[in-house]
Amino acid sequence: MTQAMPDTFRTLIPQGDDKPRAVCGTCGFINYVNPKIVAGVVVSTDDDRVLLCRRAIEPRRGFWTVPAGFMEEGETTRDGAAREVREEACANVVIDALLGIYEVPRISQVHIMYRARLKGGFAPGPESLEVALFAWDEIPWAEMAFPTGVWALRDWHASRGRVDFAPFSNPPANPILRPA
């Protein structure tokens, strides 16, 4: 969605840059528009079930996802990820590792996903219709809201029991959404 620029702004390529930017003609301020950062978590239990939330909001209302959302100003990605779990699943977690960094240039987003253990109970927050625990073979793959959630679940499964892994990233082009 493109917003209208104030009257003092013009689109031009600033000196030393190679892309058109909105530049204030009065003070020279350059309005850089950068990708949004999404922070999220694959939350698991001691018996390797994962916590998923059925979305109560668009986009993809009614579909399942891992707890994730846009970061707020002034928070770390780890803090933002834990906040999203509290907001969407009314749950507390202990984050143990950075799981993956997934790039979604088509919509100018970067998704940073962590791996965590559930501590205590859970319930649907205002953005979730329901929240449930799923064993690996029970995950509703065909009802997952976003590819990045599927990628994070796949990478969580590959990293179970490991502490010595590098963060995962996007799968090769045209990934199969359901793990084999």
C-alpha atoms as a PDB file:
ATOM      1  CA  MET A   1       0.000   0.000   0.000  1.00  0.00           C
ATOM      2  CA  THR A   2       1.489   3.305  -1.051  1.00  0.00           C
ATOM      3  CA  GLN A   3       0.772   6.360   1.071  1.00  0.00           C
ATOM      4  CA  ALA A   4       0.480   9.865  -0.339  1.00  0.00           C
ATOM      5  CA  MET A   5       3.557  12.024   0.245  1.00  0.00           C
ATOM      6  CA  PRO A   6       3.338  15.423   1.935  1.00  0.00           C
ATOM      7  CA  ASP A   7       3.467  18.355  -0.506  1.00  0.00           C
ATOM      8  CA  THR A   8       7.099  19.122   0.373  1.00  0.00           C
ATOM      9  CA  PHE A   9       8.282  15.636  -0.654  1.00  0.00           C
ATOM     10  CA  ARG A  10       9.365  14.641  -4.146  1.00  0.00           C
ATOM     11  CA  THR A  11      10.468  11.312  -5.533  1.00  0.00           C
ATOM     12  CA  LEU A  12      14.056  11.488  -6.740  1.00  0.00           C
ATOM     13  CA  ILE A  13      17.332   9.584  -6.585  1.00  0.00           C
ATOM     14  CA  PRO A  14      19.419  11.155  -3.782  1.00  0.00           C
ATOM     15  CA  GLN A  15      23.105  11.828  -4.398  1.00  0.00           C
ATOM     16  CA  GLY A  16      25.107   8.668  -3.739  1.00  0.00           C
ATOM     17  CA  ASP A  17      22.021   6.439  -4.033  1.00  0.00           C
ATOM     18  CA  ASP A  18      20.684   4.389  -6.935  1.00  0.00           C
ATOM     19  CA  LYS A  19      16.984   4.106  -6.052  1.00  0.00           C
ATOM     20  CA  PRO A  20      14.148   6.607  -6.157  1.00  0.00           C
ATOM     21  CA  ARG A  21      13.262   7.834  -2.655  1.00  0.00           C
ATOM     22  CA  ALA A  22      10.808  10.298  -1.132  1.00  0.00           C
ATOM     23  CA  VAL A  23      12.923  13.361  -0.273  1.00  0.00           C
ATOM     24  CA  CYS A  24      11.748  16.470   1.569  1.00  0.00           C
ATOM     25  CA  GLY A  25      12.385  19.575  -0.565  1.00  0.00           C
ATOM     26  CA  THR A  26      12.555  21.755   2.550  1.00  0.00           C
ATOM     27  CA  CYS A  27      15.047  19.962   4.808  1.00  0.00           C
ATOM     28  CA  GLY A  28      16.471  17.149   2.620  1.00  0.00           C
ATOM     29  CA  PHE A  29      15.142  14.325   4.829  1.00  0.00           C
ATOM     30  CA  ILE A  30      15.150  11.014   2.917  1.00  0.00           C
ATOM     31  CA  ASN A  31      12.256   8.706   3.748  1.00  0.00           C
ATOM     32  CA  TYR A  32      13.757   5.230   3.425  1.00  0.00           C
ATOM     33  CA  VAL A  33      11.114   2.507   3.227  1.00  0.00           C
ATOM     34  CA  ASN A  34      12.594  -0.739   4.517  1.00  0.00           C
ATOM     35  CA  PRO A  35      11.318  -4.308   4.940  1.00  0.00           C
ATOM     36  CA  LYS A  36       9.194  -5.193   7.953  1.00  0.00           C
ATOM     37  CA  ILE A  37      10.580  -7.638  10.499  1.00  0.00           C
ATOM     38  CA  VAL A  38       8.384 -10.464  11.759  1.00  0.00           C
ATOM     39  CA  ALA A  39       9.441 -12.278  14.937  1.00  0.00           C
ATOM     40  CA  GLY A  40       8.046 -15.692  15.775  1.00  0.00           C
ATOM     41  CA  VAL A  41       8.513 -18.934  17.631  1.00  0.00           C
ATOM     42  CA  VAL A  42       8.093 -22.638  17.104  1.00  0.00           C
ATOM     43  CA  VAL A  43       6.917 -23.565  20.603  1.00  0.00           C
ATOM     44  CA  SER A  44       7.275 -27.193  21.649  1.00  0.00           C
ATOM     45  CA  THR A  45       6.569 -29.309  24.700  1.00  0.00           C
ATOM     46  CA  ASP A  46       8.783 -31.877  26.402  1.00  0.00           C
ATOM     47  CA  ASP A  47       7.035 -34.596  24.378  1.00  0.00           C
ATOM     48  CA  ASP A  48       7.738 -32.764  21.067  1.00  0.00           C
ATOM     49  CA  ARG A  49       4.261 -31.457  20.352  1.00  0.00           C
ATOM     50  CA  VAL A  50       4.112 -27.988  18.778  1.00  0.00           C
ATOM     51  CA  LEU A  51       1.804 -25.112  19.629  1.00  0.00           C
ATOM     52  CA  LEU A  52      -0.183 -23.683  16.715  1.00  0.00           C
ATOM     53  CA  CYS A  53      -2.707 -20.858  16.603  1.00  0.00           C
ATOM     54  CA  ARG A  54      -5.748 -20.697  14.329  1.00  0.00           C
ATOM     55  CA  ARG A  55      -5.861 -17.099  13.079  1.00  0.00           C
ATOM     56  CA  ALA A  56      -8.824 -14.893  14.052  1.00  0.00           C
ATOM     57  CA  ILE A  57      -7.647 -12.053  11.791  1.00  0.00           C
ATOM     58  CA  GLU A  58      -6.848 -11.500   8.152  1.00  0.00           C
ATOM     59  CA  PRO A  59      -4.834 -12.338   6.235  1.00  0.00           C
ATOM     60  CA  ARG A  60      -5.589 -16.066   6.240  1.00  0.00           C
ATOM     61  CA  ARG A  61      -8.289 -16.015   8.933  1.00  0.00           C
ATOM     62  CA  GLY A  62      -9.112 -19.566  10.043  1.00  0.00           C
ATOM     63  CA  PHE A  63      -5.745 -21.004   9.027  1.00  0.00           C
ATOM     64  CA  TRP A  64      -3.083 -22.309  11.436  1.00  0.00           C
ATOM     65  CA  THR A  65       0.246 -20.627  12.134  1.00  0.00           C
ATOM     66  CA  VAL A  66       3.130 -20.548  14.556  1.00  0.00           C
ATOM     67  CA  PRO A  67       2.940 -17.546  16.912  1.00  0.00           C
ATOM     68  CA  ALA A  68       4.525 -14.644  15.021  1.00  0.00           C
ATOM     69  CA  GLY A  69       3.996 -11.008  14.180  1.00  0.00           C
ATOM     70  CA  PHE A  70       5.511  -7.637  13.444  1.00  0.00           C
ATOM     71  CA  MET A  71       8.089  -6.300  15.865  1.00  0.00           C
ATOM     72  CA  GLU A  72       7.394  -3.211  17.931  1.00  0.00           C
ATOM     73  CA  GLU A  73       9.846  -0.347  18.184  1.00  0.00           C
ATOM     74  CA  GLY A  74      12.318  -0.683  21.051  1.00  0.00           C
ATOM     75  CA  GLU A  75      12.208  -4.470  21.397  1.00  0.00           C
ATOM     76  CA  THR A  76      14.663  -7.180  20.418  1.00  0.00           C
ATOM     77  CA  THR A  77      13.632  -9.947  18.036  1.00  0.00           C
ATOM     78  CA  ARG A  78      13.744 -12.408  20.949  1.00  0.00           C
ATOM     79  CA  ASP A  79      11.506 -10.171  23.083  1.00  0.00           C
ATOM     80  CA  GLY A  80       9.152  -9.604  20.151  1.00  0.00           C
ATOM     81  CA  ALA A  81       8.872 -13.336  19.518  1.00  0.00           C
ATOM     82  CA  ALA A  82       8.047 -14.044  23.173  1.00  0.00           C
ATOM     83  CA  ARG A  83       5.496 -11.194  23.159  1.00  0.00           C
ATOM     84  CA  GLU A  84       3.766 -12.682  20.122  1.00  0.00           C
ATOM     85  CA  VAL A  85       3.373 -16.008  21.970  1.00  0.00           C
ATOM     86  CA  ARG A  86       1.815 -14.172  24.933  1.00  0.00           C
ATOM     87  CA  GLU A  87      -0.521 -12.190  22.644  1.00  0.00           C
ATOM     88  CA  GLU A  88      -1.639 -15.029  20.388  1.00  0.00           C
ATOM     89  CA  ALA A  89      -1.557 -18.001  22.776  1.00  0.00           C
ATOM     90  CA  CYS A  90      -1.612 -16.447  26.287  1.00  0.00           C
ATOM     91  CA  ALA A  91       1.486 -18.544  26.958  1.00  0.00           C
ATOM     92  CA  ASN A  92       4.979 -18.116  28.341  1.00  0.00           C
ATOM     93  CA  VAL A  93       8.011 -19.699  26.758  1.00  0.00           C
ATOM     94  CA  VAL A  94      11.715 -20.153  27.309  1.00  0.00           C
ATOM     95  CA  ILE A  95      13.536 -19.427  24.066  1.00  0.00           C
ATOM     96  CA  ASP A  96      16.599 -21.625  23.575  1.00  0.00           C
ATOM     97  CA  ALA A  97      17.839 -20.876  20.046  1.00  0.00           C
ATOM     98  CA  LEU A  98      17.522 -18.806  16.924  1.00  0.00           C
ATOM     99  CA  LEU A  99      15.884 -21.257  14.533  1.00  0.00           C
ATOM    100  CA  GLY A 100      15.892 -19.480  11.184  1.00  0.00           C
ATOM    101  CA  ILE A 101      15.853 -16.298   9.169  1.00  0.00           C
ATOM    102  CA  TYR A 102      13.434 -16.410   6.242  1.00  0.00           C
ATOM    103  CA  GLU A 103      13.320 -13.743   3.557  1.00  0.00           C
ATOM    104  CA  VAL A 104      10.059 -12.836   1.811  1.00  0.00           C
ATOM    105  CA  PRO A 105      11.063 -10.098  -0.668  1.00  0.00           C
ATOM    106  CA  ARG A 106       7.754 -10.286  -2.549  1.00  0.00           C
ATOM    107  CA  ILE A 107       6.102  -8.548   0.425  1.00  0.00           C
ATOM    108  CA  SER A 108       9.245  -6.868   1.822  1.00  0.00           C
ATOM    109  CA  GLN A 109       9.430  -8.927   5.008  1.00  0.00           C
ATOM    110  CA  VAL A 110      12.121 -10.769   6.943  1.00  0.00           C
ATOM    111  CA  HIS A 111      10.872 -13.466   9.363  1.00  0.00           C
ATOM    112  CA  ILE A 112      13.118 -14.274  12.319  1.00  0.00           C
ATOM    113  CA  MET A 113      12.015 -17.472  14.048  1.00  0.00           C
ATOM    114  CA  TYR A 114      13.118 -18.884  17.376  1.00  0.00           C
ATOM    115  CA  ARG A 115      12.812 -22.287  19.003  1.00  0.00           C
ATOM    116  CA  ALA A 116      11.264 -22.396  22.504  1.00  0.00           C
ATOM    117  CA  ARG A 117       9.725 -24.606  25.184  1.00  0.00           C
ATOM    118  CA  LEU A 118       6.241 -24.025  26.526  1.00  0.00           C
ATOM    119  CA  LYS A 119       6.110 -23.102  30.218  1.00  0.00           C
ATOM    120  CA  GLY A 120       2.634 -23.541  31.658  1.00  0.00           C
ATOM    121  CA  GLY A 121      -0.741 -23.339  30.038  1.00  0.00           C
ATOM    122  CA  PHE A 122      -2.114 -21.608  26.962  1.00  0.00           C
ATOM    123  CA  ALA A 123      -5.378 -20.200  25.639  1.00  0.00           C
ATOM    124  CA  PRO A 124      -6.490 -18.259  22.569  1.00  0.00           C
ATOM    125  CA  GLY A 125      -5.552 -14.591  22.607  1.00  0.00           C
ATOM    126  CA  PRO A 126      -7.549 -11.937  20.733  1.00  0.00           C
ATOM    127  CA  GLU A 127      -5.849 -12.769  17.405  1.00  0.00           C
ATOM    128  CA  SER A 128      -6.520 -16.528  17.667  1.00  0.00           C
ATOM    129  CA  LEU A 129      -9.719 -18.525  17.228  1.00  0.00           C
ATOM    130  CA  GLU A 130      -8.131 -21.498  18.965  1.00  0.00           C
ATOM    131  CA  VAL A 131      -4.743 -22.731  20.118  1.00  0.00           C
ATOM    132  CA  ALA A 132      -3.700 -26.378  20.180  1.00  0.00           C
ATOM    133  CA  LEU A 133      -0.764 -28.747  20.551  1.00  0.00           C
ATOM    134  CA  PHE A 134       0.023 -31.065  17.652  1.00  0.00           C
ATOM    135  CA  ALA A 135       2.282 -34.080  17.311  1.00  0.00           C
ATOM    136  CA  TRP A 136       4.405 -33.952  14.139  1.00  0.00           C
ATOM    137  CA  ASP A 137       2.121 -36.342  12.243  1.00  0.00           C
ATOM    138  CA  GLU A 138      -0.997 -34.392  13.323  1.00  0.00           C
ATOM    139  CA  ILE A 139       0.040 -30.933  12.049  1.00  0.00           C
ATOM    140  CA  PRO A 140      -2.662 -29.623   9.662  1.00  0.00           C
ATOM    141  CA  TRP A 141      -0.230 -28.970   6.810  1.00  0.00           C
ATOM    142  CA  ALA A 142      -2.933 -28.192   4.249  1.00  0.00           C
ATOM    143  CA  GLU A 143      -4.395 -25.576   6.610  1.00  0.00           C
ATOM    144  CA  MET A 144      -1.177 -23.684   7.362  1.00  0.00           C
ATOM    145  CA  ALA A 145      -1.469 -19.931   6.807  1.00  0.00           C
ATOM    146  CA  PHE A 146       2.007 -19.027   5.560  1.00  0.00           C
ATOM    147  CA  PRO A 147       4.986 -20.777   3.931  1.00  0.00           C
ATOM    148  CA  THR A 148       7.393 -19.326   6.510  1.00  0.00           C
ATOM    149  CA  GLY A 149       5.513 -21.141   9.272  1.00  0.00           C
ATOM    150  CA  VAL A 150       5.831 -24.394   7.354  1.00  0.00           C
ATOM    151  CA  TRP A 151       9.549 -23.775   6.800  1.00  0.00           C
ATOM    152  CA  ALA A 152      10.058 -23.006  10.503  1.00  0.00           C
ATOM    153  CA  LEU A 153       8.218 -26.175  11.542  1.00  0.00           C
ATOM    154  CA  ARG A 154      10.310 -28.257   9.132  1.00  0.00           C
ATOM    155  CA  ASP A 155      13.506 -26.687  10.454  1.00  0.00           C
ATOM    156  CA  TRP A 156      12.396 -27.151  14.072  1.00  0.00           C
ATOM    157  CA  HIS A 157      11.880 -30.849  13.319  1.00  0.00           C
ATOM    158  CA  ALA A 158      15.377 -31.087  11.822  1.00  0.00           C
ATOM    159  CA  SER A 159      16.908 -29.311  14.828  1.00  0.00           C
ATOM    160  CA  ARG A 160      15.211 -31.292  17.615  1.00  0.00           C
ATOM    161  CA  GLY A 161      17.677 -32.333  20.282  1.00  0.00           C
ATOM    162  CA  ARG A 162      20.488 -30.286  18.726  1.00  0.00           C
ATOM    163  CA  VAL A 163      22.273 -27.271  20.142  1.00  0.00           C
ATOM    164  CA  ASP A 164      24.959 -27.112  17.479  1.00  0.00           C
ATOM    165  CA  PHE A 165      23.080 -25.908  14.416  1.00  0.00           C
ATOM    166  CA  ALA A 166      23.383 -22.769  12.350  1.00  0.00           C
ATOM    167  CA  PRO A 167      20.139 -20.862  11.798  1.00  0.00           C
ATOM    168  CA  PHE A 168      18.153 -22.173   8.851  1.00  0.00           C
ATOM    169  CA  SER A 169      17.026 -20.068   5.878  1.00  0.00           C
ATOM    170  CA  ASN A 170      14.662 -20.206   2.912  1.00  0.00           C
ATOM    171  CA  PRO A 171      14.396 -23.587   1.220  1.00  0.00           C
ATOM    172  CA  PRO A 172      15.328 -23.892  -2.453  1.00  0.00           C
ATOM    173  CA  ALA A 173      12.922 -22.271  -4.933  1.00  0.00           C
ATOM    174  CA  ASN A 174       9.488 -23.834  -5.278  1.00  0.00           C
ATOM    175  CA  PRO A 175       9.544 -25.755  -1.979  1.00  0.00           C
ATOM    176  CA  ILE A 176       7.044 -28.481  -1.314  1.00  0.00           C
ATOM    177  CA  LEU A 177       4.967 -27.128   1.555  1.00  0.00           C
ATOM    178  CA  ARG A 178       4.306 -30.466   3.230  1.00  0.00           C
ATOM    179  CA  PRO A 179       7.400 -32.233   4.613  1.00  0.00           C
ATOM    180  CA  ALA A 180       7.967 -35.764   3.371  1.00  0.00           C
END
